[in-house]
N, C-alpha and C. Protein backbone atom coordinates (compact mmCIF):
# COMPACT_ATOMS: atom_id res chain seq x y z
N MET A 1 -17.83 -100.42 -34.36
CA MET A 1 -17.78 -101.15 -35.61
C MET A 1 -16.37 -101.65 -35.92
N LYS A 2 -15.46 -101.51 -34.96
CA LYS A 2 -14.10 -102.03 -35.05
C LYS A 2 -13.30 -101.45 -36.23
N ARG A 3 -13.58 -100.19 -36.57
CA ARG A 3 -12.83 -99.54 -37.63
C ARG A 3 -11.73 -98.65 -37.08
N ALA A 4 -11.71 -98.46 -35.76
CA ALA A 4 -10.71 -97.59 -35.13
C ALA A 4 -10.54 -98.00 -33.68
N THR A 5 -9.47 -97.54 -33.07
CA THR A 5 -9.25 -97.72 -31.64
C THR A 5 -9.40 -96.34 -31.01
N LEU A 6 -10.35 -96.21 -30.11
CA LEU A 6 -10.60 -94.94 -29.46
C LEU A 6 -9.75 -94.84 -28.21
N ILE A 7 -9.07 -93.69 -28.05
CA ILE A 7 -8.15 -93.48 -26.94
C ILE A 7 -8.49 -92.13 -26.31
N GLY A 8 -8.66 -92.12 -24.99
CA GLY A 8 -8.94 -90.87 -24.29
C GLY A 8 -9.96 -91.07 -23.20
N GLU A 9 -10.89 -90.13 -23.09
CA GLU A 9 -11.94 -90.16 -22.07
C GLU A 9 -13.29 -90.41 -22.73
N THR A 10 -14.27 -90.85 -21.94
CA THR A 10 -15.62 -91.04 -22.44
C THR A 10 -16.15 -89.70 -22.96
N THR A 11 -16.78 -89.71 -24.13
CA THR A 11 -17.30 -88.47 -24.72
C THR A 11 -18.50 -87.97 -23.92
N ARG A 12 -18.93 -86.77 -24.22
CA ARG A 12 -19.99 -86.12 -23.44
C ARG A 12 -21.38 -86.72 -23.70
N GLY A 13 -21.58 -87.33 -24.83
CA GLY A 13 -22.85 -88.00 -25.05
C GLY A 13 -23.86 -87.26 -25.92
N GLY A 14 -23.40 -86.51 -26.89
CA GLY A 14 -24.32 -85.84 -27.81
C GLY A 14 -24.48 -86.64 -29.09
N ALA A 15 -25.67 -87.23 -29.29
CA ALA A 15 -25.89 -88.05 -30.48
C ALA A 15 -27.07 -87.58 -31.32
N HIS A 16 -27.80 -86.58 -30.83
CA HIS A 16 -28.97 -86.10 -31.57
C HIS A 16 -28.67 -84.73 -32.16
N PRO A 17 -28.37 -84.68 -33.48
CA PRO A 17 -28.10 -83.39 -34.09
C PRO A 17 -29.35 -82.52 -34.09
N GLY A 18 -29.12 -81.25 -34.02
CA GLY A 18 -30.25 -80.31 -34.03
C GLY A 18 -29.74 -78.89 -33.94
N GLY A 19 -30.63 -77.99 -33.60
CA GLY A 19 -30.24 -76.59 -33.49
C GLY A 19 -31.36 -75.77 -32.90
N PRO A 20 -31.08 -74.48 -32.73
CA PRO A 20 -32.07 -73.60 -32.11
C PRO A 20 -33.24 -73.31 -33.06
N MET A 21 -34.45 -73.27 -32.48
CA MET A 21 -35.66 -72.89 -33.20
C MET A 21 -36.27 -71.72 -32.43
N VAL A 22 -36.63 -70.65 -33.12
CA VAL A 22 -37.19 -69.46 -32.48
C VAL A 22 -38.63 -69.76 -32.06
N VAL A 23 -38.93 -69.47 -30.78
CA VAL A 23 -40.29 -69.61 -30.26
C VAL A 23 -41.01 -68.28 -30.41
N ASN A 24 -40.39 -67.20 -29.96
CA ASN A 24 -40.88 -65.83 -30.14
C ASN A 24 -39.70 -64.89 -30.00
N ASP A 25 -39.95 -63.60 -29.89
CA ASP A 25 -38.86 -62.63 -29.81
C ASP A 25 -37.98 -62.82 -28.57
N ASN A 26 -38.48 -63.48 -27.54
CA ASN A 26 -37.74 -63.60 -26.29
C ASN A 26 -37.18 -65.00 -26.02
N PHE A 27 -37.61 -65.99 -26.79
CA PHE A 27 -37.20 -67.36 -26.48
C PHE A 27 -36.84 -68.14 -27.74
N PHE A 28 -35.95 -69.08 -27.53
CA PHE A 28 -35.69 -70.09 -28.55
C PHE A 28 -35.50 -71.41 -27.83
N ILE A 29 -35.64 -72.49 -28.56
CA ILE A 29 -35.51 -73.82 -27.99
C ILE A 29 -34.61 -74.65 -28.89
N ASN A 30 -33.80 -75.50 -28.28
CA ASN A 30 -32.94 -76.39 -29.05
C ASN A 30 -33.73 -77.67 -29.34
N ILE A 31 -33.94 -77.98 -30.60
CA ILE A 31 -34.74 -79.13 -30.99
C ILE A 31 -33.88 -80.12 -31.77
N PRO A 32 -33.86 -81.40 -31.35
CA PRO A 32 -33.14 -82.39 -32.14
C PRO A 32 -33.92 -82.67 -33.43
N ILE A 33 -33.15 -82.82 -34.51
CA ILE A 33 -33.80 -83.08 -35.80
C ILE A 33 -33.34 -84.39 -36.41
N GLY A 34 -32.56 -85.16 -35.63
CA GLY A 34 -32.06 -86.43 -36.12
C GLY A 34 -31.66 -87.31 -34.95
N ARG A 35 -31.32 -88.54 -35.27
CA ARG A 35 -30.87 -89.46 -34.23
C ARG A 35 -29.89 -90.44 -34.87
N ALA A 36 -28.69 -90.51 -34.29
CA ALA A 36 -27.69 -91.45 -34.77
C ALA A 36 -27.96 -92.80 -34.14
N ILE A 37 -27.86 -93.85 -34.95
CA ILE A 37 -28.09 -95.21 -34.45
C ILE A 37 -26.89 -96.07 -34.83
N ASN A 38 -26.33 -96.77 -33.85
CA ASN A 38 -25.24 -97.69 -34.10
C ASN A 38 -25.83 -98.93 -34.77
N PRO A 39 -25.34 -99.30 -35.96
CA PRO A 39 -25.92 -100.44 -36.67
C PRO A 39 -25.71 -101.79 -35.96
N VAL A 40 -24.73 -101.87 -35.07
CA VAL A 40 -24.47 -103.11 -34.36
C VAL A 40 -25.34 -103.22 -33.10
N THR A 41 -25.29 -102.18 -32.26
CA THR A 41 -26.01 -102.23 -30.97
C THR A 41 -27.46 -101.76 -31.08
N LYS A 42 -27.80 -101.08 -32.17
CA LYS A 42 -29.14 -100.50 -32.39
C LYS A 42 -29.48 -99.45 -31.33
N THR A 43 -28.46 -98.87 -30.69
CA THR A 43 -28.66 -97.81 -29.71
C THR A 43 -27.81 -96.62 -30.14
N ASN A 44 -27.81 -95.58 -29.33
CA ASN A 44 -26.88 -94.48 -29.57
C ASN A 44 -26.25 -94.04 -28.25
N TRP A 45 -25.49 -92.99 -28.29
CA TRP A 45 -24.68 -92.57 -27.15
C TRP A 45 -25.21 -91.29 -26.51
N GLU A 46 -26.43 -90.89 -26.84
CA GLU A 46 -27.01 -89.68 -26.26
C GLU A 46 -27.06 -89.80 -24.74
N GLY A 47 -26.44 -88.84 -24.08
CA GLY A 47 -26.47 -88.79 -22.62
C GLY A 47 -25.50 -89.71 -21.91
N VAL A 48 -24.95 -90.72 -22.60
CA VAL A 48 -24.01 -91.65 -21.95
C VAL A 48 -22.61 -91.55 -22.53
N GLY A 49 -22.47 -91.09 -23.74
CA GLY A 49 -21.16 -90.94 -24.37
C GLY A 49 -20.64 -92.23 -24.95
N VAL A 50 -19.47 -92.12 -25.56
CA VAL A 50 -18.78 -93.26 -26.15
C VAL A 50 -17.57 -93.56 -25.28
N LYS A 51 -17.50 -94.79 -24.80
CA LYS A 51 -16.38 -95.20 -23.94
C LYS A 51 -15.21 -95.61 -24.83
N PRO A 52 -14.01 -95.09 -24.57
CA PRO A 52 -12.85 -95.45 -25.41
C PRO A 52 -12.35 -96.86 -25.12
N HIS A 53 -11.63 -97.42 -26.06
CA HIS A 53 -11.00 -98.73 -25.88
C HIS A 53 -9.85 -98.64 -24.89
N VAL A 54 -9.13 -97.50 -24.93
CA VAL A 54 -7.99 -97.25 -24.03
C VAL A 54 -8.31 -95.96 -23.27
N GLU A 55 -8.58 -96.10 -21.97
CA GLU A 55 -8.93 -94.92 -21.17
C GLU A 55 -7.68 -94.27 -20.60
N VAL A 56 -7.48 -93.01 -20.97
CA VAL A 56 -6.39 -92.20 -20.43
C VAL A 56 -6.93 -90.77 -20.30
N PRO A 57 -6.30 -89.94 -19.46
CA PRO A 57 -6.72 -88.54 -19.38
C PRO A 57 -6.61 -87.85 -20.74
N GLN A 58 -7.49 -86.92 -20.97
CA GLN A 58 -7.55 -86.20 -22.24
C GLN A 58 -6.18 -85.68 -22.67
N GLU A 59 -5.41 -85.13 -21.72
CA GLU A 59 -4.12 -84.53 -22.08
C GLU A 59 -3.08 -85.57 -22.52
N ASP A 60 -3.31 -86.85 -22.23
CA ASP A 60 -2.38 -87.92 -22.63
C ASP A 60 -2.86 -88.69 -23.86
N ALA A 61 -4.03 -88.36 -24.38
CA ALA A 61 -4.64 -89.15 -25.45
C ALA A 61 -3.81 -89.17 -26.74
N LEU A 62 -3.34 -88.03 -27.19
CA LEU A 62 -2.59 -87.98 -28.45
C LEU A 62 -1.26 -88.73 -28.32
N THR A 63 -0.55 -88.51 -27.21
CA THR A 63 0.72 -89.21 -26.99
C THR A 63 0.49 -90.71 -26.90
N THR A 64 -0.57 -91.12 -26.19
CA THR A 64 -0.87 -92.55 -26.06
C THR A 64 -1.21 -93.15 -27.42
N ALA A 65 -1.97 -92.43 -28.24
CA ALA A 65 -2.31 -92.92 -29.58
C ALA A 65 -1.04 -93.08 -30.43
N HIS A 66 -0.15 -92.12 -30.34
CA HIS A 66 1.12 -92.18 -31.07
C HIS A 66 1.92 -93.39 -30.60
N LEU A 67 1.98 -93.59 -29.28
CA LEU A 67 2.71 -94.73 -28.70
C LEU A 67 2.11 -96.05 -29.17
N LYS A 68 0.79 -96.19 -29.14
CA LYS A 68 0.13 -97.43 -29.57
C LYS A 68 0.42 -97.71 -31.06
N ALA A 69 0.43 -96.65 -31.87
CA ALA A 69 0.72 -96.82 -33.30
C ALA A 69 2.16 -97.32 -33.50
N LEU A 70 3.11 -96.73 -32.77
CA LEU A 70 4.51 -97.18 -32.88
C LEU A 70 4.67 -98.62 -32.41
N GLU A 71 4.00 -98.98 -31.32
CA GLU A 71 4.08 -100.36 -30.83
C GLU A 71 3.51 -101.35 -31.84
N LYS A 72 2.43 -100.96 -32.49
CA LYS A 72 1.82 -101.83 -33.50
C LYS A 72 2.74 -101.97 -34.72
N LEU A 73 3.34 -100.87 -35.13
CA LEU A 73 4.29 -100.92 -36.25
C LEU A 73 5.50 -101.78 -35.90
N ALA A 74 6.03 -101.62 -34.69
CA ALA A 74 7.19 -102.41 -34.27
C ALA A 74 6.87 -103.90 -34.24
N ALA A 75 5.66 -104.24 -33.80
CA ALA A 75 5.26 -105.65 -33.71
C ALA A 75 5.03 -106.26 -35.09
N SER A 76 4.67 -105.44 -36.07
CA SER A 76 4.30 -105.99 -37.38
C SER A 76 5.42 -105.95 -38.42
N THR A 77 6.47 -105.17 -38.18
CA THR A 77 7.52 -105.06 -39.20
C THR A 77 8.49 -106.24 -39.12
N LYS A 78 9.04 -106.58 -40.27
CA LYS A 78 10.06 -107.62 -40.34
C LYS A 78 11.45 -107.00 -40.50
N ASP A 79 11.48 -105.69 -40.75
CA ASP A 79 12.73 -104.97 -40.94
C ASP A 79 13.31 -104.58 -39.58
N LYS A 80 14.50 -105.09 -39.23
CA LYS A 80 15.07 -104.85 -37.90
C LYS A 80 15.42 -103.38 -37.67
N ASP A 81 15.80 -102.65 -38.72
CA ASP A 81 16.11 -101.23 -38.57
C ASP A 81 14.85 -100.43 -38.26
N ASP A 82 13.75 -100.74 -38.97
CA ASP A 82 12.48 -100.07 -38.70
C ASP A 82 12.01 -100.38 -37.28
N LYS A 83 12.11 -101.65 -36.89
CA LYS A 83 11.69 -102.05 -35.54
C LYS A 83 12.48 -101.28 -34.49
N PHE A 84 13.79 -101.16 -34.68
CA PHE A 84 14.64 -100.43 -33.75
C PHE A 84 14.17 -98.99 -33.61
N ARG A 85 13.90 -98.33 -34.75
CA ARG A 85 13.46 -96.93 -34.72
C ARG A 85 12.09 -96.78 -34.06
N TYR A 86 11.14 -97.65 -34.38
CA TYR A 86 9.82 -97.58 -33.75
C TYR A 86 9.94 -97.71 -32.24
N GLU A 87 10.75 -98.67 -31.80
CA GLU A 87 10.92 -98.88 -30.36
C GLU A 87 11.66 -97.72 -29.70
N TRP A 88 12.60 -97.13 -30.43
CA TRP A 88 13.36 -95.98 -29.94
C TRP A 88 12.41 -94.83 -29.62
N TYR A 89 11.56 -94.47 -30.57
CA TYR A 89 10.65 -93.34 -30.38
C TYR A 89 9.55 -93.68 -29.38
N ALA A 90 9.13 -94.93 -29.33
CA ALA A 90 8.12 -95.35 -28.34
C ALA A 90 8.68 -95.16 -26.92
N GLU A 91 9.95 -95.48 -26.73
CA GLU A 91 10.57 -95.32 -25.41
C GLU A 91 10.54 -93.85 -24.97
N SER A 92 10.76 -92.94 -25.90
CA SER A 92 10.70 -91.51 -25.59
C SER A 92 9.30 -91.09 -25.17
N LEU A 93 8.29 -91.59 -25.88
CA LEU A 93 6.91 -91.26 -25.53
C LEU A 93 6.54 -91.80 -24.16
N LYS A 94 6.98 -93.01 -23.85
CA LYS A 94 6.71 -93.61 -22.54
C LYS A 94 7.29 -92.75 -21.42
N ALA A 95 8.48 -92.19 -21.66
CA ALA A 95 9.11 -91.33 -20.65
C ALA A 95 8.28 -90.08 -20.39
N GLY A 96 7.62 -89.59 -21.43
CA GLY A 96 6.75 -88.43 -21.25
C GLY A 96 5.49 -88.76 -20.47
N LEU A 97 4.96 -89.95 -20.68
CA LEU A 97 3.74 -90.36 -19.98
C LEU A 97 4.01 -90.80 -18.54
N ASN A 98 5.17 -91.44 -18.32
CA ASN A 98 5.54 -91.95 -16.99
C ASN A 98 6.98 -91.55 -16.69
N PRO A 99 7.19 -90.30 -16.27
CA PRO A 99 8.56 -89.83 -16.04
C PRO A 99 9.32 -90.69 -15.03
N VAL A 100 10.59 -90.92 -15.35
CA VAL A 100 11.48 -91.69 -14.47
C VAL A 100 12.13 -90.72 -13.49
N LYS A 101 12.19 -91.09 -12.23
CA LYS A 101 12.84 -90.28 -11.20
C LYS A 101 14.17 -90.92 -10.84
N VAL A 102 15.22 -90.14 -10.87
CA VAL A 102 16.55 -90.60 -10.49
C VAL A 102 16.98 -89.77 -9.29
N LYS A 103 17.56 -90.43 -8.29
CA LYS A 103 17.98 -89.74 -7.07
C LYS A 103 18.98 -88.64 -7.39
N PRO A 104 18.85 -87.49 -6.71
CA PRO A 104 19.79 -86.38 -6.97
C PRO A 104 21.25 -86.76 -6.78
N GLU A 105 21.56 -87.60 -5.78
CA GLU A 105 22.96 -87.98 -5.56
C GLU A 105 23.50 -88.82 -6.73
N THR A 106 22.61 -89.60 -7.34
CA THR A 106 23.01 -90.37 -8.53
C THR A 106 23.27 -89.43 -9.69
N LEU A 107 22.36 -88.48 -9.90
CA LEU A 107 22.55 -87.51 -10.98
C LEU A 107 23.84 -86.72 -10.78
N ARG A 108 24.08 -86.28 -9.56
CA ARG A 108 25.28 -85.50 -9.25
C ARG A 108 26.55 -86.29 -9.61
N SER A 109 26.52 -87.60 -9.40
CA SER A 109 27.71 -88.43 -9.69
C SER A 109 27.99 -88.52 -11.19
N TYR A 110 27.04 -88.19 -12.03
CA TYR A 110 27.22 -88.25 -13.48
C TYR A 110 27.88 -86.98 -14.04
N ALA A 111 27.88 -85.90 -13.25
CA ALA A 111 28.46 -84.63 -13.72
C ALA A 111 29.95 -84.79 -13.96
N GLY A 112 30.43 -84.16 -15.03
CA GLY A 112 31.85 -84.20 -15.33
C GLY A 112 32.12 -83.97 -16.80
N LYS A 113 33.40 -84.07 -17.15
CA LYS A 113 33.84 -83.88 -18.54
C LYS A 113 34.15 -85.25 -19.13
N TYR A 114 33.65 -85.46 -20.33
CA TYR A 114 33.82 -86.71 -21.06
C TYR A 114 34.28 -86.37 -22.47
N GLY A 115 35.58 -86.21 -22.67
CA GLY A 115 36.07 -85.79 -23.98
C GLY A 115 35.46 -84.45 -24.34
N PRO A 116 34.83 -84.33 -25.52
CA PRO A 116 34.21 -83.06 -25.92
C PRO A 116 32.83 -82.83 -25.28
N ARG A 117 32.41 -83.75 -24.43
CA ARG A 117 31.08 -83.68 -23.82
C ARG A 117 31.20 -83.25 -22.36
N THR A 118 30.24 -82.43 -21.93
CA THR A 118 30.18 -82.03 -20.53
C THR A 118 28.77 -82.31 -20.02
N ILE A 119 28.71 -82.94 -18.85
CA ILE A 119 27.43 -83.13 -18.17
C ILE A 119 27.51 -82.32 -16.88
N SER A 120 26.53 -81.44 -16.69
CA SER A 120 26.51 -80.61 -15.47
C SER A 120 25.24 -80.89 -14.68
N PHE A 121 25.36 -80.73 -13.37
CA PHE A 121 24.24 -80.91 -12.44
C PHE A 121 23.84 -79.53 -11.96
N GLU A 122 22.62 -79.11 -12.32
CA GLU A 122 22.14 -77.77 -11.99
C GLU A 122 20.69 -77.84 -11.51
N SER A 123 20.42 -77.29 -10.35
CA SER A 123 19.06 -77.23 -9.80
C SER A 123 18.37 -78.59 -9.82
N GLY A 124 19.13 -79.64 -9.46
CA GLY A 124 18.55 -80.98 -9.35
C GLY A 124 18.38 -81.73 -10.66
N GLU A 125 18.90 -81.17 -11.77
CA GLU A 125 18.76 -81.82 -13.07
C GLU A 125 20.11 -81.88 -13.77
N LEU A 126 20.21 -82.79 -14.75
CA LEU A 126 21.42 -82.90 -15.55
C LEU A 126 21.26 -82.16 -16.87
N TYR A 127 22.38 -81.61 -17.32
CA TYR A 127 22.42 -80.92 -18.61
C TYR A 127 23.61 -81.45 -19.41
N TYR A 128 23.39 -81.60 -20.70
CA TYR A 128 24.40 -82.12 -21.61
C TYR A 128 24.82 -81.01 -22.56
N GLN A 129 26.13 -80.91 -22.79
CA GLN A 129 26.63 -79.95 -23.77
C GLN A 129 27.86 -80.51 -24.45
N ARG A 130 27.89 -80.38 -25.73
CA ARG A 130 29.08 -80.75 -26.50
C ARG A 130 29.81 -79.45 -26.81
N THR A 131 31.12 -79.46 -26.81
CA THR A 131 31.92 -78.26 -27.02
C THR A 131 31.41 -77.45 -28.21
N GLY A 132 31.16 -76.16 -27.95
CA GLY A 132 30.72 -75.25 -29.01
C GLY A 132 29.27 -75.37 -29.42
N ARG A 133 28.49 -76.15 -28.67
CA ARG A 133 27.07 -76.36 -29.02
C ARG A 133 26.19 -75.97 -27.84
N PRO A 134 24.87 -75.86 -28.06
CA PRO A 134 23.97 -75.49 -26.97
C PRO A 134 23.90 -76.54 -25.86
N LYS A 135 23.41 -76.12 -24.70
CA LYS A 135 23.22 -77.00 -23.55
C LYS A 135 21.77 -77.50 -23.56
N TYR A 136 21.59 -78.80 -23.26
CA TYR A 136 20.26 -79.42 -23.27
C TYR A 136 19.99 -80.14 -21.96
N ARG A 137 18.76 -80.05 -21.49
CA ARG A 137 18.36 -80.79 -20.29
C ARG A 137 18.25 -82.26 -20.63
N MET A 138 18.77 -83.09 -19.74
CA MET A 138 18.73 -84.55 -19.94
C MET A 138 17.50 -85.10 -19.23
N ILE A 139 16.71 -85.88 -19.95
CA ILE A 139 15.48 -86.47 -19.42
C ILE A 139 15.71 -87.96 -19.22
N PRO A 140 15.55 -88.45 -17.97
CA PRO A 140 15.85 -89.87 -17.71
C PRO A 140 14.85 -90.82 -18.38
N LEU A 141 15.41 -91.85 -19.03
CA LEU A 141 14.61 -92.97 -19.54
C LEU A 141 14.76 -94.16 -18.59
N SER A 142 15.88 -94.17 -17.87
CA SER A 142 16.14 -95.16 -16.82
C SER A 142 17.15 -94.50 -15.88
N ASN A 143 17.69 -95.26 -14.96
CA ASN A 143 18.63 -94.70 -13.99
C ASN A 143 19.92 -94.20 -14.64
N ASP A 144 20.27 -94.76 -15.82
CA ASP A 144 21.54 -94.37 -16.46
C ASP A 144 21.42 -94.10 -17.97
N LEU A 145 20.19 -93.94 -18.45
CA LEU A 145 19.96 -93.64 -19.86
C LEU A 145 19.10 -92.39 -19.96
N PHE A 146 19.53 -91.44 -20.82
CA PHE A 146 18.86 -90.14 -20.90
C PHE A 146 18.61 -89.75 -22.35
N MET A 147 17.52 -89.03 -22.55
CA MET A 147 17.24 -88.46 -23.87
C MET A 147 17.31 -86.94 -23.75
N LEU A 148 17.41 -86.29 -24.88
CA LEU A 148 17.38 -84.84 -24.96
C LEU A 148 16.15 -84.49 -25.79
N LYS A 149 15.20 -83.80 -25.21
CA LYS A 149 13.93 -83.54 -25.90
C LYS A 149 14.14 -82.88 -27.27
N GLU A 150 15.09 -81.96 -27.33
CA GLU A 150 15.31 -81.20 -28.56
C GLU A 150 16.06 -81.99 -29.64
N ILE A 151 16.70 -83.09 -29.25
CA ILE A 151 17.46 -83.90 -30.22
C ILE A 151 16.93 -85.33 -30.10
N ASP A 152 15.86 -85.63 -30.83
CA ASP A 152 15.17 -86.91 -30.64
C ASP A 152 15.92 -88.12 -31.20
N TYR A 153 16.95 -87.89 -31.99
CA TYR A 153 17.70 -89.00 -32.58
C TYR A 153 18.92 -89.40 -31.74
N PHE A 154 19.10 -88.77 -30.56
CA PHE A 154 20.32 -88.96 -29.77
C PHE A 154 19.99 -89.22 -28.31
N ARG A 155 20.80 -90.08 -27.68
CA ARG A 155 20.67 -90.38 -26.25
C ARG A 155 22.05 -90.52 -25.63
N ILE A 156 22.08 -90.41 -24.31
CA ILE A 156 23.32 -90.57 -23.56
C ILE A 156 23.15 -91.69 -22.54
N LYS A 157 24.06 -92.64 -22.56
CA LYS A 157 24.08 -93.73 -21.59
C LYS A 157 25.31 -93.56 -20.72
N ILE A 158 25.12 -93.61 -19.40
CA ILE A 158 26.22 -93.52 -18.46
C ILE A 158 26.86 -94.90 -18.34
N ILE A 159 28.17 -94.97 -18.50
CA ILE A 159 28.90 -96.23 -18.40
C ILE A 159 29.51 -96.32 -17.00
N LYS A 160 29.18 -97.40 -16.29
CA LYS A 160 29.70 -97.62 -14.93
C LYS A 160 30.41 -98.97 -14.87
N GLU A 161 31.41 -99.03 -14.02
CA GLU A 161 32.09 -100.28 -13.69
C GLU A 161 32.20 -100.34 -12.18
N ASP A 162 31.68 -101.39 -11.58
CA ASP A 162 31.69 -101.54 -10.12
C ASP A 162 31.11 -100.32 -9.42
N GLY A 163 30.05 -99.75 -10.00
CA GLY A 163 29.36 -98.62 -9.40
C GLY A 163 30.04 -97.28 -9.60
N VAL A 164 31.16 -97.25 -10.33
CA VAL A 164 31.90 -96.00 -10.56
C VAL A 164 31.68 -95.56 -12.01
N VAL A 165 31.35 -94.27 -12.18
CA VAL A 165 31.13 -93.73 -13.52
C VAL A 165 32.46 -93.66 -14.26
N LYS A 166 32.53 -94.33 -15.40
CA LYS A 166 33.76 -94.40 -16.20
C LYS A 166 33.68 -93.60 -17.50
N GLY A 167 32.46 -93.41 -18.03
CA GLY A 167 32.33 -92.71 -19.30
C GLY A 167 30.89 -92.57 -19.72
N VAL A 168 30.71 -92.12 -20.94
CA VAL A 168 29.38 -92.00 -21.53
C VAL A 168 29.39 -92.61 -22.92
N MET A 169 28.23 -93.10 -23.31
CA MET A 169 28.05 -93.61 -24.66
C MET A 169 26.98 -92.76 -25.34
N GLY A 170 27.33 -92.18 -26.47
CA GLY A 170 26.35 -91.50 -27.30
C GLY A 170 25.64 -92.54 -28.14
N MET A 171 24.31 -92.54 -28.11
CA MET A 171 23.53 -93.53 -28.85
C MET A 171 22.66 -92.79 -29.87
N TYR A 172 22.56 -93.36 -31.07
CA TYR A 172 21.83 -92.71 -32.15
C TYR A 172 20.72 -93.62 -32.66
N ASP A 173 19.68 -93.00 -33.22
CA ASP A 173 18.51 -93.78 -33.65
C ASP A 173 18.78 -94.65 -34.87
N ASP A 174 19.97 -94.57 -35.45
CA ASP A 174 20.32 -95.49 -36.54
C ASP A 174 21.12 -96.69 -36.04
N GLY A 175 21.27 -96.78 -34.70
CA GLY A 175 21.98 -97.90 -34.10
C GLY A 175 23.45 -97.64 -33.83
N ASN A 176 24.00 -96.55 -34.34
CA ASN A 176 25.41 -96.22 -34.11
C ASN A 176 25.61 -95.72 -32.69
N THR A 177 26.84 -95.88 -32.18
CA THR A 177 27.21 -95.40 -30.85
C THR A 177 28.62 -94.83 -30.90
N ASP A 178 28.94 -94.00 -29.91
CA ASP A 178 30.32 -93.55 -29.70
C ASP A 178 30.52 -93.38 -28.20
N LYS A 179 31.78 -93.45 -27.75
CA LYS A 179 32.07 -93.40 -26.32
C LYS A 179 33.12 -92.36 -26.01
N ASN A 180 32.99 -91.81 -24.79
CA ASN A 180 34.02 -90.94 -24.25
C ASN A 180 34.23 -91.31 -22.79
N LEU A 181 35.49 -91.38 -22.37
CA LEU A 181 35.81 -91.68 -20.98
C LEU A 181 35.72 -90.41 -20.14
N LYS A 182 35.43 -90.59 -18.86
CA LYS A 182 35.36 -89.47 -17.93
C LYS A 182 36.77 -89.02 -17.60
N ARG A 183 37.01 -87.70 -17.65
CA ARG A 183 38.31 -87.17 -17.29
C ARG A 183 38.46 -87.23 -15.77
N LYS A 184 39.67 -87.43 -15.33
CA LYS A 184 39.94 -87.52 -13.88
C LYS A 184 39.88 -86.16 -13.24
């Protein structure tokens, strides 16, 4: 009826409500007592299920729905700050659905000290820590852009010149940035 966008997997196909009816002391039978009818198609989904508009595995359905909502909001807003934030959070969700792989040698080249920031390479992954604060695993959004799952308003961009890592840029969901150069 075009009142919603269904996201996920085809449903199991139960359209006839009912319940158990006692036959005798040893048996009962499940009897349908109603039938749902779609006013448009004049049919129902018993035994065939409802096919979603966007087919994704069940475990990705909520994230995909959230992503689609953010994309719709970003496309419809006229406020550039709102659009920036919607797109910012959508990018994080996309990374969860389609993880980016960065070569270990590339990740290793990013390790170092950048002012009060330290990036370390441990067990094939990068970790970010600011002096006196906890350490966080860096999740790639691209080959040189990373998010921190626990700090959704902040990202780290690796700054390179001629293929050499020169520094990092801290990026914030309000559009602000700050930079630190890599120590020699």
